[in-house]
C-alpha atoms as a PDB file:
ATOM      1  CA  MET A   1      31.966 122.299 139.422  1.00  0.00           C
ATOM      2  CA  ALA A   2      32.354 119.533 136.839  1.00  0.00           C
ATOM      3  CA  LYS A   3      33.944 121.974 134.387  1.00  0.00           C
ATOM      4  CA  THR A   4      36.814 122.878 136.742  1.00  0.00           C
ATOM      5  CA  THR A   5      37.462 119.194 137.490  1.00  0.00           C
ATOM      6  CA  LYS A   6      37.620 118.478 133.748  1.00  0.00           C
ATOM      7  CA  LYS A   7      39.993 121.441 133.302  1.00  0.00           C
ATOM      8  CA  ALA A   8      42.195 120.202 136.153  1.00  0.00           C
ATOM      9  CA  LYS A   9      42.337 116.725 134.575  1.00  0.00           C
ATOM     10  CA  GLN A  10      43.372 118.229 131.237  1.00  0.00           C
ATOM     11  CA  THR A  11      46.090 120.238 132.984  1.00  0.00           C
ATOM     12  CA  ASP A  12      47.386 117.111 134.749  1.00  0.00           C
ATOM     13  CA  ILE A  13      47.413 115.169 131.480  1.00  0.00           C
ATOM     14  CA  LEU A  14      49.250 118.049 129.799  1.00  0.00           C
ATOM     15  CA  ARG A  15      51.840 118.159 132.596  1.00  0.00           C
ATOM     16  CA  GLU A  16      52.426 114.397 132.258  1.00  0.00           C
ATOM     17  CA  ALA A  17      52.847 114.819 128.493  1.00  0.00           C
ATOM     18  CA  VAL A  18      55.441 117.558 129.109  1.00  0.00           C
ATOM     19  CA  ASP A  19      57.327 115.229 131.494  1.00  0.00           C
ATOM     20  CA  SER A  20      57.394 112.426 128.925  1.00  0.00           C
ATOM     21  CA  TYR A  21      58.555 114.847 126.200  1.00  0.00           C
ATOM     22  CA  ILE A  22      61.411 116.048 128.394  1.00  0.00           C
ATOM     23  CA  GLN A  23      62.496 112.473 129.138  1.00  0.00           C
ATOM     24  CA  GLN A  24      62.743 111.800 125.392  1.00  0.00           C
ATOM     25  CA  GLN A  25      65.084 114.751 124.852  1.00  0.00           C
ATOM     26  CA  SER A  26      68.673 113.617 125.243  1.00  0.00           C
ATOM     27  CA  ASN A  27      70.730 116.806 125.134  1.00  0.00           C
ATOM     28  CA  ALA A  28      68.709 119.075 122.834  1.00  0.00           C
ATOM     29  CA  THR A  29      67.505 122.504 123.919  1.00  0.00           C
ATOM     30  CA  PHE A  30      63.814 123.382 123.722  1.00  0.00           C
ATOM     31  CA  ASN A  31      61.365 126.140 124.640  1.00  0.00           C
ATOM     32  CA  TYR A  32      57.661 126.110 125.449  1.00  0.00           C
ATOM     33  CA  LYS A  33      56.670 126.699 121.810  1.00  0.00           C
ATOM     34  CA  GLN A  34      58.613 123.652 120.643  1.00  0.00           C
ATOM     35  CA  VAL A  35      57.090 121.512 123.394  1.00  0.00           C
ATOM     36  CA  SER A  36      53.613 122.814 122.552  1.00  0.00           C
ATOM     37  CA  HIS A  37      54.081 122.035 118.858  1.00  0.00           C
ATOM     38  CA  ALA A  38      55.394 118.537 119.611  1.00  0.00           C
ATOM     39  CA  LEU A  39      52.384 117.857 121.824  1.00  0.00           C
ATOM     40  CA  GLY A  40      49.934 119.388 119.340  1.00  0.00           C
ATOM     41  CA  VAL A  41      48.824 122.167 121.684  1.00  0.00           C
ATOM     42  CA  GLU A  42      47.643 125.385 120.008  1.00  0.00           C
ATOM     43  CA  ASN A  43      45.509 126.878 122.776  1.00  0.00           C
ATOM     44  CA  PRO A  44      47.324 129.867 124.406  1.00  0.00           C
ATOM     45  CA  ALA A  45      46.021 128.906 127.863  1.00  0.00           C
ATOM     46  CA  GLN A  46      47.497 125.434 127.536  1.00  0.00           C
ATOM     47  CA  GLN A  47      50.740 126.902 126.193  1.00  0.00           C
ATOM     48  CA  ARG A  48      50.962 128.997 129.367  1.00  0.00           C
ATOM     49  CA  VAL A  49      50.530 125.810 131.416  1.00  0.00           C
ATOM     50  CA  ILE A  50      53.454 124.291 129.508  1.00  0.00           C
ATOM     51  CA  ALA A  51      55.584 127.400 130.035  1.00  0.00           C
ATOM     52  CA  LEU A  52      54.801 127.360 133.775  1.00  0.00           C
ATOM     53  CA  LYS A  53      55.612 123.639 134.000  1.00  0.00           C
ATOM     54  CA  LEU A  54      59.003 124.243 132.333  1.00  0.00           C
ATOM     55  CA  ALA A  55      59.730 127.135 134.703  1.00  0.00           C
ATOM     56  CA  GLU A  56      58.802 124.964 137.713  1.00  0.00           C
ATOM     57  CA  LEU A  57      61.076 122.160 136.532  1.00  0.00           C
ATOM     58  CA  ALA A  58      63.929 124.624 136.029  1.00  0.00           C
ATOM     59  CA  PHE A  59      63.384 126.103 139.494  1.00  0.00           C
ATOM     60  CA  ASP A  60      63.408 122.602 141.035  1.00  0.00           C
ATOM     61  CA  GLY A  61      66.610 121.739 139.149  1.00  0.00           C
ATOM     62  CA  ASP A  62      65.081 118.959 137.059  1.00  0.00           C
ATOM     63  CA  ILE A  63      65.979 120.805 133.836  1.00  0.00           C
ATOM     64  CA  ILE A  64      68.502 123.547 133.115  1.00  0.00           C
ATOM     65  CA  GLU A  65      67.569 126.983 131.778  1.00  0.00           C
ATOM     66  CA  VAL A  66      70.446 127.697 129.371  1.00  0.00           C
ATOM     67  CA  SER A  67      69.061 131.089 128.376  1.00  0.00           C
ATOM     68  CA  PRO A  68      65.809 132.876 129.225  1.00  0.00           C
ATOM     69  CA  GLY A  69      62.954 130.621 128.097  1.00  0.00           C
ATOM     70  CA  LYS A  70      65.278 127.961 126.639  1.00  0.00           C
ATOM     71  CA  TYR A  71      65.757 124.696 128.529  1.00  0.00           C
ATOM     72  CA  LYS A  72      67.593 121.402 128.288  1.00  0.00           C
ATOM     73  CA  THR A  73      67.760 118.205 130.276  1.00  0.00           C
ATOM     74  CA  PRO A  74      70.888 117.872 132.372  1.00  0.00           C
ATOM     75  CA  SER A  75      73.252 115.090 131.501  1.00  0.00           C
ATOM     76  CA  ARG A  76      73.518 113.044 134.640  1.00  0.00           C
ATOM     77  CA  THR A  77      76.719 112.806 136.606  1.00  0.00           C
ATOM     78  CA  THR A  78      79.401 110.391 135.543  1.00  0.00           C
ATOM     79  CA  VAL A  79      81.792 108.539 137.804  1.00  0.00           C
ATOM     80  CA  ALA A  80      85.520 108.574 137.073  1.00  0.00           C
ATOM     81  CA  THR A  81      88.772 107.844 138.853  1.00  0.00           C
ATOM     82  CA  GLY A  82      91.895 109.934 138.939  1.00  0.00           C
ATOM     83  CA  VAL A  83      94.659 111.537 140.960  1.00  0.00           C
ATOM     84  CA  PHE A  84      93.755 114.390 143.313  1.00  0.00           C
ATOM     85  CA  VAL A  85      95.819 117.591 143.076  1.00  0.00           C
ATOM     86  CA  ARG A  86      95.516 119.873 146.121  1.00  0.00           C
ATOM     87  CA  ARG A  87      96.392 123.569 146.079  1.00  0.00           C
ATOM     88  CA  SER A  88      96.605 125.886 149.079  1.00  0.00           C
ATOM     89  CA  ASN A  89      94.443 128.507 147.338  1.00  0.00           C
ATOM     90  CA  GLY A  90      91.486 126.064 147.265  1.00  0.00           C
ATOM     91  CA  LYS A  91      91.632 125.454 143.498  1.00  0.00           C
ATOM     92  CA  ASN A  92      91.896 121.700 143.836  1.00  0.00           C
ATOM     93  CA  SER A  93      91.478 119.431 140.853  1.00  0.00           C
ATOM     94  CA  VAL A  94      91.415 115.804 139.870  1.00  0.00           C
ATOM     95  CA  ILE A  95      93.244 114.521 136.796  1.00  0.00           C
ATOM     96  CA  THR A  96      91.091 111.742 135.386  1.00  0.00           C
ATOM     97  CA  ASP A  97      92.580 108.482 134.166  1.00  0.00           C
ATOM     98  CA  GLU A  98      90.436 108.490 130.996  1.00  0.00           C
ATOM     99  CA  ASP A  99      91.548 111.727 129.347  1.00  0.00           C
ATOM    100  CA  GLY A 100      94.078 113.333 131.687  1.00  0.00           C
ATOM    101  CA  GLU A 101      91.971 116.503 131.820  1.00  0.00           C
ATOM    102  CA  PRO A 102      92.061 118.411 135.138  1.00  0.00           C
ATOM    103  CA  ILE A 103      88.575 118.947 136.578  1.00  0.00           C
ATOM    104  CA  PHE A 104      87.933 121.482 139.338  1.00  0.00           C
ATOM    105  CA  VAL A 105      87.036 120.181 142.826  1.00  0.00           C
ATOM    106  CA  ALA A 106      85.780 122.679 145.419  1.00  0.00           C
ATOM    107  CA  GLU A 107      87.267 122.416 148.902  1.00  0.00           C
ATOM    108  CA  ARG A 108      83.866 121.455 150.360  1.00  0.00           C
ATOM    109  CA  ASN A 109      83.694 118.540 147.880  1.00  0.00           C
ATOM    110  CA  SER A 110      87.251 117.240 148.415  1.00  0.00           C
ATOM    111  CA  LEU A 111      86.454 114.744 151.222  1.00  0.00           C
ATOM    112  CA  HIS A 112      89.796 115.806 152.798  1.00  0.00           C
ATOM    113  CA  ALA A 113      91.795 114.101 150.057  1.00  0.00           C
ATOM    114  CA  LEU A 114      95.472 115.050 149.939  1.00  0.00           C
ATOM    115  CA  ASN A 115      97.795 115.674 147.026  1.00  0.00           C
ATOM    116  CA  GLY A 116      98.481 112.495 145.050  1.00  0.00           C
ATOM    117  CA  ASP A 117      95.615 110.413 146.470  1.00  0.00           C
ATOM    118  CA  LYS A 118      93.802 108.114 144.031  1.00  0.00           C
ATOM    119  CA  VAL A 119      90.113 109.106 144.195  1.00  0.00           C
ATOM    120  CA  LYS A 120      86.726 108.276 142.696  1.00  0.00           C
ATOM    121  CA  VAL A 121      84.731 111.354 141.682  1.00  0.00           C
ATOM    122  CA  ASN A 122      81.276 112.296 140.433  1.00  0.00           C
ATOM    123  CA  ILE A 123      81.648 114.697 137.521  1.00  0.00           C
ATOM    124  CA  ALA A 124      78.698 117.075 137.490  1.00  0.00           C
ATOM    125  CA  ALA A 125      76.778 117.884 134.335  1.00  0.00           C
ATOM    126  CA  ARG A 126      78.494 120.421 132.127  1.00  0.00           C
ATOM    127  CA  VAL A 127      76.760 123.781 132.028  1.00  0.00           C
ATOM    128  CA  LYS A 128      77.362 126.183 129.160  1.00  0.00           C
ATOM    129  CA  GLY A 129      79.818 128.907 130.143  1.00  0.00           C
ATOM    130  CA  ARG A 130      81.143 127.125 133.240  1.00  0.00           C
ATOM    131  CA  GLU A 131      83.995 124.703 133.709  1.00  0.00           C
ATOM    132  CA  PRO A 132      83.082 121.175 134.806  1.00  0.00           C
ATOM    133  CA  GLU A 133      83.157 120.438 138.510  1.00  0.00           C
ATOM    134  CA  ALA A 134      83.686 117.184 140.376  1.00  0.00           C
ATOM    135  CA  GLU A 135      82.990 115.868 143.863  1.00  0.00           C
ATOM    136  CA  VAL A 136      85.176 113.258 145.551  1.00  0.00           C
ATOM    137  CA  ILE A 137      82.984 110.344 146.655  1.00  0.00           C
ATOM    138  CA  GLU A 138      85.696 107.918 147.725  1.00  0.00           C
ATOM    139  CA  ILE A 139      89.423 107.902 148.404  1.00  0.00           C
ATOM    140  CA  ILE A 140      90.614 104.688 146.772  1.00  0.00           C
ATOM    141  CA  GLU A 141      94.282 104.798 147.729  1.00  0.00           C
ATOM    142  CA  LYS A 142      96.100 107.200 150.027  1.00  0.00           C
ATOM    143  CA  LYS A 143      99.557 108.361 149.014  1.00  0.00           C
ATOM    144  CA  ASP A 144     102.213 108.374 151.731  1.00  0.00           C
ATOM    145  CA  GLN A 145     102.663 111.964 152.834  1.00  0.00           C
ATOM    146  CA  THR A 146     105.526 113.666 154.632  1.00  0.00           C
ATOM    147  CA  PHE A 147     104.960 117.158 155.971  1.00  0.00           C
ATOM    148  CA  ILE A 148     107.801 119.483 156.897  1.00  0.00           C
ATOM    149  CA  GLY A 149     107.244 122.504 159.061  1.00  0.00           C
ATOM    150  CA  THR A 150     107.498 124.020 162.518  1.00  0.00           C
ATOM    151  CA  LEU A 151     105.937 122.192 165.463  1.00  0.00           C
ATOM    152  CA  LYS A 152     104.325 124.656 167.840  1.00  0.00           C
ATOM    153  CA  VAL A 153     103.424 122.990 171.160  1.00  0.00           C
ATOM    154  CA  GLU A 154     100.690 124.494 173.326  1.00  0.00           C
ATOM    155  CA  ARG A 155      99.220 123.207 176.590  1.00  0.00           C
ATOM    156  CA  HIS A 156      96.487 120.924 175.140  1.00  0.00           C
ATOM    157  CA  TYR A 157      97.507 120.581 171.522  1.00  0.00           C
ATOM    158  CA  ALA A 158     100.339 121.025 169.085  1.00  0.00           C
ATOM    159  CA  SER A 159     100.163 122.428 165.601  1.00  0.00           C
ATOM    160  CA  LEU A 160     102.381 121.761 162.623  1.00  0.00           C
ATOM    161  CA  LEU A 161     102.852 124.965 160.639  1.00  0.00           C
ATOM    162  CA  THR A 162     103.664 123.683 157.161  1.00  0.00           C
ATOM    163  CA  ASP A 163     105.395 125.549 154.390  1.00  0.00           C
ATOM    164  CA  SER A 164     103.688 123.326 151.836  1.00  0.00           C
ATOM    165  CA  LYS A 165     101.900 124.780 148.840  1.00  0.00           C
ATOM    166  CA  TYR A 166      99.462 121.881 149.008  1.00  0.00           C
ATOM    167  CA  LEU A 167      97.848 122.592 152.377  1.00  0.00           C
ATOM    168  CA  ALA A 168      95.730 125.641 153.071  1.00  0.00           C
ATOM    169  CA  SER A 169      95.623 125.082 156.823  1.00  0.00           C
ATOM    170  CA  ASP A 170      97.889 123.890 159.595  1.00  0.00           C
ATOM    171  CA  ILE A 171      97.764 120.412 161.096  1.00  0.00           C
ATOM    172  CA  ILE A 172      96.444 120.200 164.666  1.00  0.00           C
ATOM    173  CA  ILE A 173      97.872 117.354 166.782  1.00  0.00           C
ATOM    174  CA  PRO A 174      96.526 116.400 170.225  1.00  0.00           C
ATOM    175  CA  VAL A 175      99.281 116.546 172.857  1.00  0.00           C
ATOM    176  CA  SER A 176      98.708 112.870 173.705  1.00  0.00           C
ATOM    177  CA  TYR A 177     100.131 112.004 170.265  1.00  0.00           C
ATOM    178  CA  THR A 178     103.181 114.230 170.564  1.00  0.00           C
ATOM    179  CA  HIS A 179     104.447 112.941 173.950  1.00  0.00           C
ATOM    180  CA  LEU A 180     105.428 116.539 174.640  1.00  0.00           C
ATOM    181  CA  ARG A 181     104.184 119.087 177.103  1.00  0.00           C
ATOM    182  CA  ALA A 182     104.358 122.853 176.780  1.00  0.00           C
ATOM    183  CA  HIS A 183     106.689 123.132 179.765  1.00  0.00           C
ATOM    184  CA  GLU A 184     109.126 120.572 178.286  1.00  0.00           C
ATOM    185  CA  THR A 185     109.943 122.623 175.184  1.00  0.00           C
END
């Protein structure tokens, strides 16, 4: 009984040592053998514990597995400001003020920003082989927008069918805002 408790304590200490090693790594890649060597572990059983700990951290998203068995710590998100560019095909982007580089923003992360709005974004960590992605966290300044299209009035709502290349969907307007009724048109 005492032997298993001692073994469990050693495993916990080893896991804590792995965590501290990972925190010291800035952007370097590493595998379980490199971590084992840095911690002075030569026992194959303890090396398996390290490998399992790295796999758990990768599964939880605390570290990134760049290739099978090779890991790195993610660079945390950075906050930037820029101008939002909306496209009807969903390939929205933000052009940052710092470098003028367009960064992809998924429709679900756009916070309903419109073309030309000044926004604050979180730029996600760059992953090898993928373009950077951003998420709008705040709309700093709205740009005045004018939409041209066909107003289609129904009984309880009206919809503006735009010909704009910036909007992927139509604009729904409650009838109370239009001062129109379906029988008046």
